[in-house]
Protein backbone atom coordinates (compact mmCIF):
# COMPACT_ATOMS: atom_id res chain seq x y z
CA MET A 1 76.36 165.50 149.14
CA SER A 2 72.86 164.16 149.38
CA LEU A 3 71.06 163.95 152.52
CA GLU A 4 70.57 160.33 154.50
CA THR A 5 67.22 160.27 155.61
CA VAL A 6 66.42 158.99 159.35
CA LEU A 7 63.59 157.79 160.31
CA LEU A 8 63.34 158.71 163.93
CA THR A 9 60.41 157.98 166.57
CA GLY A 10 59.81 159.49 169.88
CA ALA A 11 61.06 163.57 168.71
CA GLY A 12 58.40 164.44 171.37
CA GLY A 13 60.29 163.17 174.52
CA PHE A 14 62.86 163.88 176.91
CA ILE A 15 65.73 161.72 175.03
CA GLY A 16 64.07 161.78 171.64
CA ALA A 17 63.95 165.51 171.25
CA GLN A 18 68.00 165.65 172.09
CA ILE A 19 68.36 163.25 169.59
CA LEU A 20 66.29 165.36 166.87
CA GLU A 21 68.34 168.26 168.38
CA GLN A 22 71.86 166.53 166.89
CA LEU A 23 70.38 165.17 163.96
CA LEU A 24 69.54 168.76 162.76
CA LYS A 25 72.25 170.15 164.13
CA SER A 26 74.83 167.81 162.09
CA GLY A 27 73.69 168.86 159.20
CA GLU A 28 73.82 165.52 157.26
CA PHE A 29 70.55 164.11 157.93
CA HIS A 30 66.66 165.00 156.85
CA VAL A 31 64.78 163.35 159.33
CA ILE A 32 61.10 162.14 159.32
CA ALA A 33 60.03 162.03 163.10
CA PRO A 34 55.95 160.97 163.31
CA VAL A 35 53.86 162.07 166.01
CA ARG A 36 50.27 161.74 167.61
CA SER A 37 48.84 164.64 166.44
CA GLU A 38 48.98 168.15 164.92
CA LYS A 39 49.44 169.79 168.48
CA ASP A 40 52.29 167.69 169.18
CA ILE A 41 53.53 169.67 166.02
CA GLN A 42 52.69 172.96 167.27
CA SER A 43 54.24 172.13 170.41
CA ILE A 44 58.04 171.20 168.98
CA LEU A 45 57.84 174.16 166.54
CA ALA A 46 56.76 176.63 169.15
CA LEU A 47 59.99 175.64 170.95
CA HIS A 48 62.17 175.24 168.66
CA PRO A 49 60.86 177.25 165.45
CA GLU A 50 64.24 177.02 164.03
CA TYR A 51 63.25 173.23 162.79
CA SER A 52 60.65 175.53 160.47
CA ASP A 53 63.56 175.80 157.76
CA LYS A 54 65.63 172.60 158.73
CA ASN A 55 65.45 169.00 156.82
CA VAL A 56 62.93 167.83 158.91
CA ARG A 57 59.01 166.81 159.05
CA PHE A 58 56.81 165.31 161.45
CA PRO A 59 54.10 163.08 159.35
CA VAL A 60 51.09 162.43 162.36
CA VAL A 61 50.63 159.13 163.20
CA PRO A 62 47.70 158.85 165.99
CA ASP A 63 48.76 155.49 167.12
CA LEU A 64 52.45 154.08 166.49
CA GLY A 65 51.85 150.81 168.13
CA ALA A 66 49.17 150.13 165.39
CA ASN A 67 49.66 147.20 163.22
CA GLY A 68 51.13 149.38 160.11
CA ALA A 69 51.50 152.66 161.56
CA CYS A 70 54.30 153.65 159.59
CA ASP A 71 53.76 151.36 156.40
CA GLU A 72 53.09 154.31 154.69
CA ILE A 73 56.05 156.50 155.51
CA PHE A 74 58.66 153.49 154.81
CA GLY A 75 56.25 152.74 151.28
CA GLU A 76 57.08 156.22 150.06
CA THR A 77 60.29 157.25 151.56
CA GLU A 78 63.58 155.79 150.98
CA ILE A 79 64.29 155.83 154.59
CA ASN A 80 68.75 154.59 155.32
CA TYR A 81 68.45 154.67 159.22
CA VAL A 82 65.58 154.16 162.20
CA ILE A 83 66.10 155.22 165.39
CA HIS A 84 63.42 154.03 167.56
CA ALA A 85 63.38 156.22 170.88
CA ALA A 86 59.55 155.75 171.35
CA GLY A 87 58.53 154.25 174.76
CA ARG A 88 57.38 155.13 178.60
CA PHE A 89 59.32 154.80 181.66
CA ARG A 90 56.91 155.39 184.18
CA PHE A 91 55.98 152.84 186.84
CA GLU A 92 53.51 154.90 189.38
CA ASN A 93 49.82 155.84 188.04
CA ILE A 94 50.32 153.82 185.07
CA ASP A 95 48.85 150.70 183.66
CA SER A 96 50.82 147.87 183.06
CA GLN A 97 48.78 147.29 179.58
CA LYS A 98 49.75 150.38 178.25
CA LEU A 99 53.30 150.16 179.99
CA ILE A 100 53.62 146.76 177.38
CA TYR A 101 51.97 148.45 174.28
CA ASP A 102 54.26 151.44 173.93
CA ASN A 103 57.20 150.11 175.33
CA TYR A 104 57.12 146.78 173.15
CA ASP A 105 54.07 146.96 170.65
CA THR A 106 55.35 150.47 169.10
CA ALA A 107 59.03 148.83 168.51
CA LYS A 108 57.28 145.85 166.83
CA SER A 109 54.99 147.86 164.27
CA VAL A 110 58.01 149.89 163.13
CA ILE A 111 60.50 146.63 163.46
CA LEU A 112 57.95 144.69 161.41
CA SER A 113 57.44 147.76 158.86
CA ALA A 114 60.89 148.10 158.40
CA GLU A 115 61.66 144.43 157.40
CA LYS A 116 58.59 145.09 155.04
CA PHE A 117 59.52 147.68 153.18
CA CYS A 118 62.94 149.30 153.76
CA LYS A 119 65.06 147.41 151.39
CA SER A 120 66.94 150.94 151.63
CA LEU A 121 67.75 150.70 155.78
CA GLN A 122 71.07 150.42 156.59
CA ARG A 123 70.69 150.01 160.22
CA PHE A 124 67.93 150.22 162.60
CA VAL A 125 68.76 151.71 166.33
CA LEU A 126 66.66 150.91 169.53
CA THR A 127 66.58 152.44 172.71
CA GLY A 128 66.71 150.31 175.16
CA SER A 129 67.16 150.42 179.33
CA VAL A 130 70.04 149.16 181.14
CA ILE A 131 67.33 147.70 183.75
CA VAL A 132 67.37 144.92 181.74
CA GLU A 133 70.16 144.44 183.43
CA ILE A 134 70.01 144.97 187.43
CA THR A 135 66.99 142.18 188.21
CA GLY A 136 69.62 140.26 189.68
CA GLN A 137 70.81 142.81 191.99
CA MET A 138 67.78 142.37 194.04
CA LYS A 139 69.10 139.27 195.41
CA SER A 140 72.69 139.09 197.26
CA SER A 141 72.77 135.74 195.69
CA THR A 142 73.27 136.81 192.42
CA PHE A 143 74.19 140.28 192.97
CA LYS A 144 77.44 141.79 191.23
CA GLU A 145 79.88 144.62 191.76
CA GLU A 146 80.00 145.89 188.42
CA LEU A 147 77.21 144.64 185.43
CA THR A 148 77.80 144.74 181.77
CA GLU A 149 76.34 143.72 178.57
CA ALA A 150 76.38 139.63 179.18
CA ASP A 151 74.11 140.79 182.30
CA ILE A 152 71.00 141.14 180.45
CA VAL A 153 68.61 139.58 181.68
CA SER A 154 64.99 137.87 179.28
CA ILE A 155 62.02 137.77 180.94
CA PRO A 156 59.40 136.38 178.83
CA LEU A 157 56.40 138.88 178.08
CA GLU A 158 53.46 136.72 178.24
CA ALA A 159 54.66 135.46 181.79
CA VAL A 160 54.67 138.77 183.51
CA ARG A 161 51.36 140.32 181.43
CA GLU A 162 49.03 139.59 183.77
CA SER A 163 51.09 140.12 186.92
CA GLY A 164 50.13 143.92 186.96
CA ASP A 165 53.50 144.63 187.71
CA PRO A 166 54.82 148.21 185.95
CA VAL A 167 58.08 147.21 186.42
CA ALA A 168 58.10 143.49 185.41
CA CYS A 169 56.12 144.60 182.44
CA TYR A 170 58.64 147.07 181.50
CA VAL A 171 61.65 144.78 181.92
CA ALA A 172 59.89 142.44 179.66
CA ALA A 173 58.48 144.60 176.77
CA LYS A 174 62.38 145.93 176.38
CA ALA A 175 63.47 142.40 176.53
CA GLU A 176 61.71 141.15 173.97
CA SER A 177 61.21 144.54 171.88
CA SER A 178 65.41 143.93 171.93
CA ALA A 179 65.28 139.87 170.55
CA LEU A 180 62.89 140.89 167.79
CA LEU A 181 64.87 143.56 166.70
CA PHE A 182 68.00 141.46 166.54
CA GLU A 183 65.79 137.98 165.33
CA THR A 184 64.39 140.42 162.75
CA ALA A 185 67.72 141.53 161.45
CA SER A 186 69.47 138.02 161.23
CA LYS A 187 67.53 137.29 158.81
CA PRO A 188 68.76 136.34 155.13
CA SER A 189 66.09 138.41 153.62
CA VAL A 190 67.14 141.67 155.90
CA SER A 191 69.28 143.86 154.37
CA TRP A 192 70.17 146.01 157.93
CA ASP A 193 71.77 145.34 161.01
CA ALA A 194 70.37 146.28 164.39
CA VAL A 195 72.29 148.14 167.63
CA GLU A 196 70.67 148.66 170.76
CA LEU A 197 71.47 151.49 173.01
CA LEU A 198 71.04 150.70 176.88
CA PRO A 199 70.97 154.25 178.91
CA ALA A 200 70.90 153.95 182.56
CA GLY A 201 68.57 156.49 184.83
CA THR A 202 68.92 159.56 182.60
CA ALA A 203 68.89 163.32 183.57
CA GLY A 204 70.22 166.88 182.31
CA PRO A 205 68.50 169.25 180.52
CA LEU A 206 65.12 169.38 178.53
CA ALA A 207 65.03 169.72 174.70
CA HIS A 208 61.44 169.33 174.44
CA SER A 209 57.63 170.83 175.29
CA VAL A 210 56.80 168.58 179.07
CA PRO A 211 53.00 169.74 179.03
CA ASP A 212 52.13 167.93 182.24
CA LEU A 213 55.56 167.61 184.68
CA THR A 214 53.20 165.69 187.33
CA ALA A 215 52.38 163.59 185.14
CA GLY A 216 56.29 162.85 183.06
CA SER A 217 58.66 160.06 183.11
CA HIS A 218 60.57 158.90 185.92
CA SER A 219 63.50 161.15 184.74
CA LEU A 220 61.18 163.97 185.10
CA ASP A 221 59.67 163.03 188.29
CA TRP A 222 62.93 163.15 190.76
CA ALA A 223 63.49 167.02 190.34
CA TYR A 224 59.89 167.73 190.09
CA ASN A 225 59.02 166.04 193.27
CA LEU A 226 62.20 167.55 194.57
CA LEU A 227 61.39 170.77 193.69
CA SER A 228 57.78 170.98 194.30
CA GLY A 229 58.24 169.13 198.01
CA THR A 230 55.94 166.16 196.85
CA TRP A 231 58.66 163.74 198.41
CA LYS A 232 58.52 164.23 202.17
CA GLU A 233 61.11 162.08 202.85
CA ILE A 234 64.01 160.78 200.13
CA PRO A 235 63.37 157.47 198.66
CA PRO A 236 65.63 155.02 197.50
CA VAL A 237 67.15 154.22 193.81
CA PRO A 238 67.60 150.55 192.18
CA MET A 239 70.78 151.83 190.04
CA PHE A 240 73.49 153.90 190.95
CA GLN A 241 74.37 155.37 188.02
CA ILE A 242 73.47 158.33 185.71
CA THR A 243 73.79 159.27 181.96
CA ASP A 244 73.71 162.82 180.21
CA VAL A 245 70.50 162.71 178.07
CA ARG A 246 72.67 164.69 175.70
CA ASP A 247 75.38 162.06 175.54
CA VAL A 248 72.46 159.50 175.13
CA ALA A 249 71.64 161.24 171.85
CA LEU A 250 75.29 161.63 170.65
CA ALA A 251 75.64 157.83 171.29
CA HIS A 252 72.28 157.36 169.20
CA VAL A 253 73.83 159.53 166.08
CA LEU A 254 76.72 157.67 166.66
CA ALA A 255 75.45 154.52 166.21
CA LEU A 256 73.94 155.07 162.75
CA ARG A 257 77.20 154.92 161.18
CA ASN A 258 79.64 153.25 162.93
CA GLU A 259 80.64 149.93 161.76
CA LYS A 260 81.99 148.60 165.07
CA ALA A 261 78.51 149.29 166.67
CA SER A 262 76.91 146.76 164.22
CA GLY A 263 74.91 143.84 166.47
CA GLN A 264 75.86 145.08 169.19
CA ARG A 265 74.51 145.90 172.61
CA ILE A 266 75.86 148.83 174.38
CA ASN A 267 75.52 150.68 177.64
CA ILE A 268 75.57 154.55 177.76
CA VAL A 269 76.22 155.31 181.57
CA ASN A 270 78.72 157.48 183.14
CA SER A 271 80.71 154.61 185.21
CA ASP A 272 82.00 157.59 187.02
CA SER A 273 78.79 158.94 188.43
CA CYS A 274 77.43 158.02 191.95
CA TYR A 275 73.72 158.79 191.72
CA SER A 276 70.95 158.67 194.34
CA HIS A 277 68.05 161.24 195.20
CA GLN A 278 69.97 162.39 197.98
CA VAL A 279 73.05 163.57 195.43
CA LEU A 280 69.86 165.45 194.13
CA ALA A 281 68.47 166.96 197.24
CA ASN A 282 71.80 167.94 198.64
CA LEU A 283 72.52 169.85 195.17
CA ILE A 284 68.78 171.78 195.14
CA ARG A 285 68.55 172.70 198.69
CA SER A 286 72.65 174.41 197.97
CA LYS A 287 71.62 175.52 194.76
CA TYR A 288 68.62 177.33 196.05
CA PRO A 289 68.10 178.36 199.34
CA GLU A 290 65.30 179.72 199.46
CA LEU A 291 63.80 176.01 198.78
CA ARG A 292 65.26 174.70 201.99
CA ASP A 293 62.04 174.28 203.87
CA LYS A 294 60.21 172.80 200.83
CA VAL A 295 62.96 170.24 199.71
CA ALA A 296 63.28 167.24 201.72
CA GLU A 297 66.39 166.77 203.93
CA GLY A 298 66.68 163.75 204.16
CA THR A 299 70.49 162.58 205.31
CA PRO A 300 72.47 164.71 203.58
CA GLU A 301 75.72 162.14 204.69
CA GLN A 302 74.51 159.41 203.53
CA LEU A 303 74.43 159.24 199.75
CA ILE A 304 74.18 155.65 199.21
CA PRO A 305 70.78 154.43 201.29
CA ALA A 306 70.76 152.55 204.15
CA GLY A 307 70.80 148.61 203.74
CA MET A 308 71.76 149.23 200.40
CA VAL A 309 75.07 147.97 198.56
CA PHE A 310 76.87 150.55 195.96
CA TYR A 311 77.61 148.62 192.51
CA LYS A 312 78.65 150.18 188.93
CA ILE A 313 77.70 149.50 185.33
CA SER A 314 80.47 148.88 183.35
CA ASN A 315 80.96 151.44 180.21
CA ALA A 316 83.78 149.79 178.46
CA LYS A 317 81.70 148.78 175.56
CA SER A 318 80.45 152.30 174.78
CA LYS A 319 84.44 153.33 174.76
CA GLU A 320 85.72 150.69 172.85
CA ILE A 321 82.89 151.32 170.07
CA PHE A 322 82.69 155.11 169.93
CA GLY A 323 86.13 156.23 171.40
CA SER A 324 87.29 159.74 171.70
CA GLU A 325 84.05 160.86 169.88
CA LEU A 326 81.62 160.46 172.95
CA ASN A 327 83.06 161.15 176.25
CA TYR A 328 81.08 161.29 179.17
CA THR A 329 79.32 164.52 180.55
CA PRO A 330 80.97 165.20 184.18
CA GLU A 331 78.08 163.71 186.76
CA SER A 332 77.63 167.71 188.24
CA ASP A 333 76.95 169.12 184.69
CA THR A 334 73.94 166.73 184.15
CA TYR A 335 72.60 167.65 187.28
CA ASN A 336 73.07 171.37 187.68
CA ALA A 337 71.75 171.46 184.26
CA TYR A 338 68.77 169.03 184.69
CA VAL A 339 67.61 170.72 187.99
CA ASP A 340 67.69 174.25 186.04
CA SER A 341 65.89 172.84 184.03
CA VAL A 342 63.22 171.08 185.52
CA TRP A 343 62.82 174.51 187.87
CA GLU A 344 62.59 176.89 184.87
CA ALA A 345 59.76 174.22 182.99
CA MET A 346 58.12 174.18 186.58
CA ARG A 347 57.98 177.95 186.44
CA ASN A 348 57.28 178.65 183.12
CA ARG A 349 54.19 176.18 183.55
CA ASP A 350 52.98 178.39 187.22
CA LEU A 351 52.95 174.59 188.94
CA GLU A 352 52.90 174.98 192.89
CA LEU A 353 56.47 176.42 193.58
């Protein structure tokens, strides 16, 4: 059986690296994974030398958000599926315009190339974020005990572009990327369909090279800031559910061919989990007693921050669509793999311990 071809963006990132690993492990796909530079290729192969013998190639695309950045790739290859997992999830010490560029402009560029060139394309899978559902949770008048995909809030990008508010810019960029994808897929001239996966806060083991943990994504910040002692107090969190990065990756692979997923926005979240930074602090202090003097203690018995109300994010739709193929990893396994992986990365990079 001939292999189908997947264009995967973001393969050097936290989620994308796991998607790449699972695509190659399946043995069913040839993967084209654009990266920014030759250095990025070497970093990936240094961590995964086995990829040199796999069905994957890494074309260099210095600026994925540039107009037509992937035109050459689409023009020379019959691509069957796209997974756009590239993006940036970080709100501190970040230019909000950069946040928009990395989350909207990159998506727009890939979507337009897919529309222009890809007659062989069957499906475009976009990595979104469940954060587009939680905006209303900040006000008691719009608070809900459980959120679903029906609670997605659309914030016009131009309305927040100059605000300088990184959270608002991120939410708007994600929402507009989603709107553009589904609008494009609905055109009579387009033969492919669209799926958007909406993971909650993502944790679990690292499958990618992290050159600088101090400037990583929010997902890596959580464990790093606790393990390094950067956090002297335990900060609150805006959501209380977690997703294992391996489950997020598997959902992307399953979404490529699942008929029920067509045209859907789907939450990918362990709805049985209860996450807060206090949960992670308790685990680290128990798992690594030698770090107790460094890791903030917080209030070990109070898992939900004072003044905040616990709410759930529904994963019923993902269970209906993917069934037994997607079984969410127990949260304790996620936390342990996450902490161990970040701790190992810190030691390997001789960061302050």
